[in-house]
Amino acid sequence: MSGIKVVGDPHRRIEHISALASDIATQEHIAVKLLSTTVRAFYDFFMIACLTVGVVALVLGKQDKAALWGGMGLALALIWILAFVGTKVSKRAVRALKEELHKAPPGRQSTAGHSHPS
């Protein structure tokens, strides 16, 4: 045997490594969720702030500032709506694809997106 010496039961070491990997994956998942929630909160705050400043400027009769801030707020709102709809559509498409793959007979893959020779 080469210079590597295995101390202890190899199965216990594998279980230990697997548990550590699972813990790391859980921590990474939590970190990603926290980061995405923080970014979403800042985005929402900035969007609402832009819309509010636009409305206040409009009420005060400052149409140029109202157009600028209101336009930015509306653009951010439109981007938010598009991202929300895109997320819903992509989740629905993934779910439909998974259902189609589960319905496919054994030994045969899904033919979605593939052309058949005529």
Protein backbone atom coordinates (compact mmCIF):
# COMPACT_ATOMS: atom_id res chain seq x y z
CA MET A 1 0.00 0.00 0.00
CA SER A 2 1.23 3.55 -0.69
CA GLY A 3 1.90 6.03 2.11
CA ILE A 4 -1.81 6.70 2.82
CA LYS A 5 -3.02 5.26 6.09
CA VAL A 6 -6.77 4.97 6.79
CA VAL A 7 -7.51 5.45 10.47
CA GLY A 8 -10.91 4.35 11.77
CA ASP A 9 -13.86 2.93 9.95
CA PRO A 10 -14.00 4.24 6.34
CA HIS A 11 -17.82 4.10 6.37
CA ARG A 12 -18.00 6.40 9.39
CA ARG A 13 -15.61 8.82 7.69
CA ILE A 14 -17.77 8.83 4.56
CA GLU A 15 -20.88 9.48 6.66
CA HIS A 16 -19.06 12.29 8.45
CA ILE A 17 -17.97 13.86 5.15
CA SER A 18 -21.50 13.51 3.80
CA ALA A 19 -22.94 15.22 6.88
CA LEU A 20 -20.43 18.06 6.53
CA ALA A 21 -21.28 18.48 2.85
CA SER A 22 -24.98 18.59 3.71
CA ASP A 23 -24.34 21.25 6.37
CA ILE A 24 -22.34 23.35 3.91
CA ALA A 25 -25.09 23.07 1.29
CA THR A 26 -27.70 24.14 3.84
CA GLN A 27 -25.60 27.13 4.91
CA GLU A 28 -25.05 28.15 1.28
CA HIS A 29 -28.79 27.87 0.60
CA ILE A 30 -29.55 30.10 3.60
CA ALA A 31 -26.92 32.63 2.49
CA VAL A 32 -28.33 32.80 -1.04
CA LYS A 33 -31.88 33.23 0.30
CA LEU A 34 -30.72 35.99 2.66
CA LEU A 35 -28.82 37.79 -0.09
CA SER A 36 -31.68 37.57 -2.60
CA THR A 37 -34.20 38.76 0.01
CA THR A 38 -31.96 41.72 0.90
CA VAL A 39 -31.51 42.71 -2.75
CA ARG A 40 -35.26 42.39 -3.35
CA ALA A 41 -36.01 44.56 -0.30
CA PHE A 42 -33.62 47.31 -1.45
CA TYR A 43 -35.07 47.16 -4.97
CA ASP A 44 -38.64 47.43 -3.66
CA PHE A 45 -37.68 50.31 -1.34
CA PHE A 46 -36.00 52.23 -4.16
CA MET A 47 -38.95 51.63 -6.51
CA ILE A 48 -41.47 52.88 -3.93
CA ALA A 49 -39.21 55.84 -3.09
CA CYS A 50 -38.99 56.85 -6.76
CA LEU A 51 -42.76 56.59 -7.20
CA THR A 52 -43.37 58.57 -3.99
CA VAL A 53 -40.94 61.35 -4.96
CA GLY A 54 -42.59 61.50 -8.38
CA VAL A 55 -46.05 61.88 -6.87
CA VAL A 56 -44.87 64.50 -4.37
CA ALA A 57 -43.12 66.48 -7.13
CA LEU A 58 -46.29 66.31 -9.21
CA VAL A 59 -48.39 67.59 -6.31
CA LEU A 60 -45.90 70.45 -5.75
CA GLY A 61 -46.12 71.36 -9.44
CA LYS A 62 -42.57 70.39 -10.40
CA GLN A 63 -43.39 68.50 -13.56
CA ASP A 64 -39.81 67.94 -14.68
CA LYS A 65 -38.84 66.23 -11.42
CA ALA A 66 -42.15 64.36 -11.37
CA ALA A 67 -41.49 63.03 -14.84
CA LEU A 68 -37.92 62.04 -13.96
CA TRP A 69 -38.61 60.29 -10.63
CA GLY A 70 -42.00 58.95 -11.63
CA GLY A 71 -40.57 57.59 -14.86
CA MET A 72 -37.77 55.82 -13.00
CA GLY A 73 -40.29 54.41 -10.51
CA LEU A 74 -42.55 53.20 -13.31
CA ALA A 75 -39.60 51.65 -15.16
CA LEU A 76 -38.54 49.81 -12.00
CA ALA A 77 -42.12 48.65 -11.44
CA LEU A 78 -42.32 47.38 -15.03
CA ILE A 79 -39.04 45.48 -14.63
CA TRP A 80 -40.36 43.99 -11.36
CA ILE A 81 -43.59 42.88 -13.06
CA LEU A 82 -41.67 41.33 -15.98
CA ALA A 83 -39.35 39.47 -13.60
CA PHE A 84 -42.32 38.23 -11.56
CA VAL A 85 -44.21 37.00 -14.63
CA GLY A 86 -41.04 35.47 -16.09
CA THR A 87 -40.41 33.56 -12.88
CA LYS A 88 -43.96 32.22 -12.80
CA VAL A 89 -43.86 31.19 -16.47
CA SER A 90 -40.48 29.48 -16.15
CA LYS A 91 -41.56 27.59 -13.01
CA ARG A 92 -44.70 26.43 -14.81
CA ALA A 93 -42.65 25.33 -17.84
CA VAL A 94 -40.19 23.37 -15.67
CA ARG A 95 -43.09 21.71 -13.84
CA ALA A 96 -44.74 20.75 -17.15
CA LEU A 97 -41.47 19.36 -18.48
CA LYS A 98 -40.95 17.29 -15.32
CA GLU A 99 -44.49 15.92 -15.60
CA GLU A 100 -43.90 15.04 -19.25
CA LEU A 101 -40.65 13.25 -18.41
CA HIS A 102 -42.38 11.25 -15.67
CA LYS A 103 -45.17 10.23 -18.07
CA ALA A 104 -42.73 8.99 -20.74
CA PRO A 105 -42.67 5.19 -21.03
CA PRO A 106 -39.58 3.45 -19.62
CA GLY A 107 -36.68 3.24 -22.04
CA ARG A 108 -37.96 6.18 -24.03
CA GLN A 109 -36.96 9.78 -23.50
CA SER A 110 -39.18 12.78 -24.01
CA THR A 111 -39.38 14.09 -27.58
CA ALA A 112 -40.23 17.65 -26.57
CA GLY A 113 -38.41 20.10 -28.81
CA HIS A 114 -37.09 17.38 -31.15
CA SER A 115 -38.18 16.97 -34.74
CA HIS A 116 -39.11 13.56 -36.02
CA PRO A 117 -37.82 12.35 -39.38
CA SER A 118 -40.66 12.04 -41.85
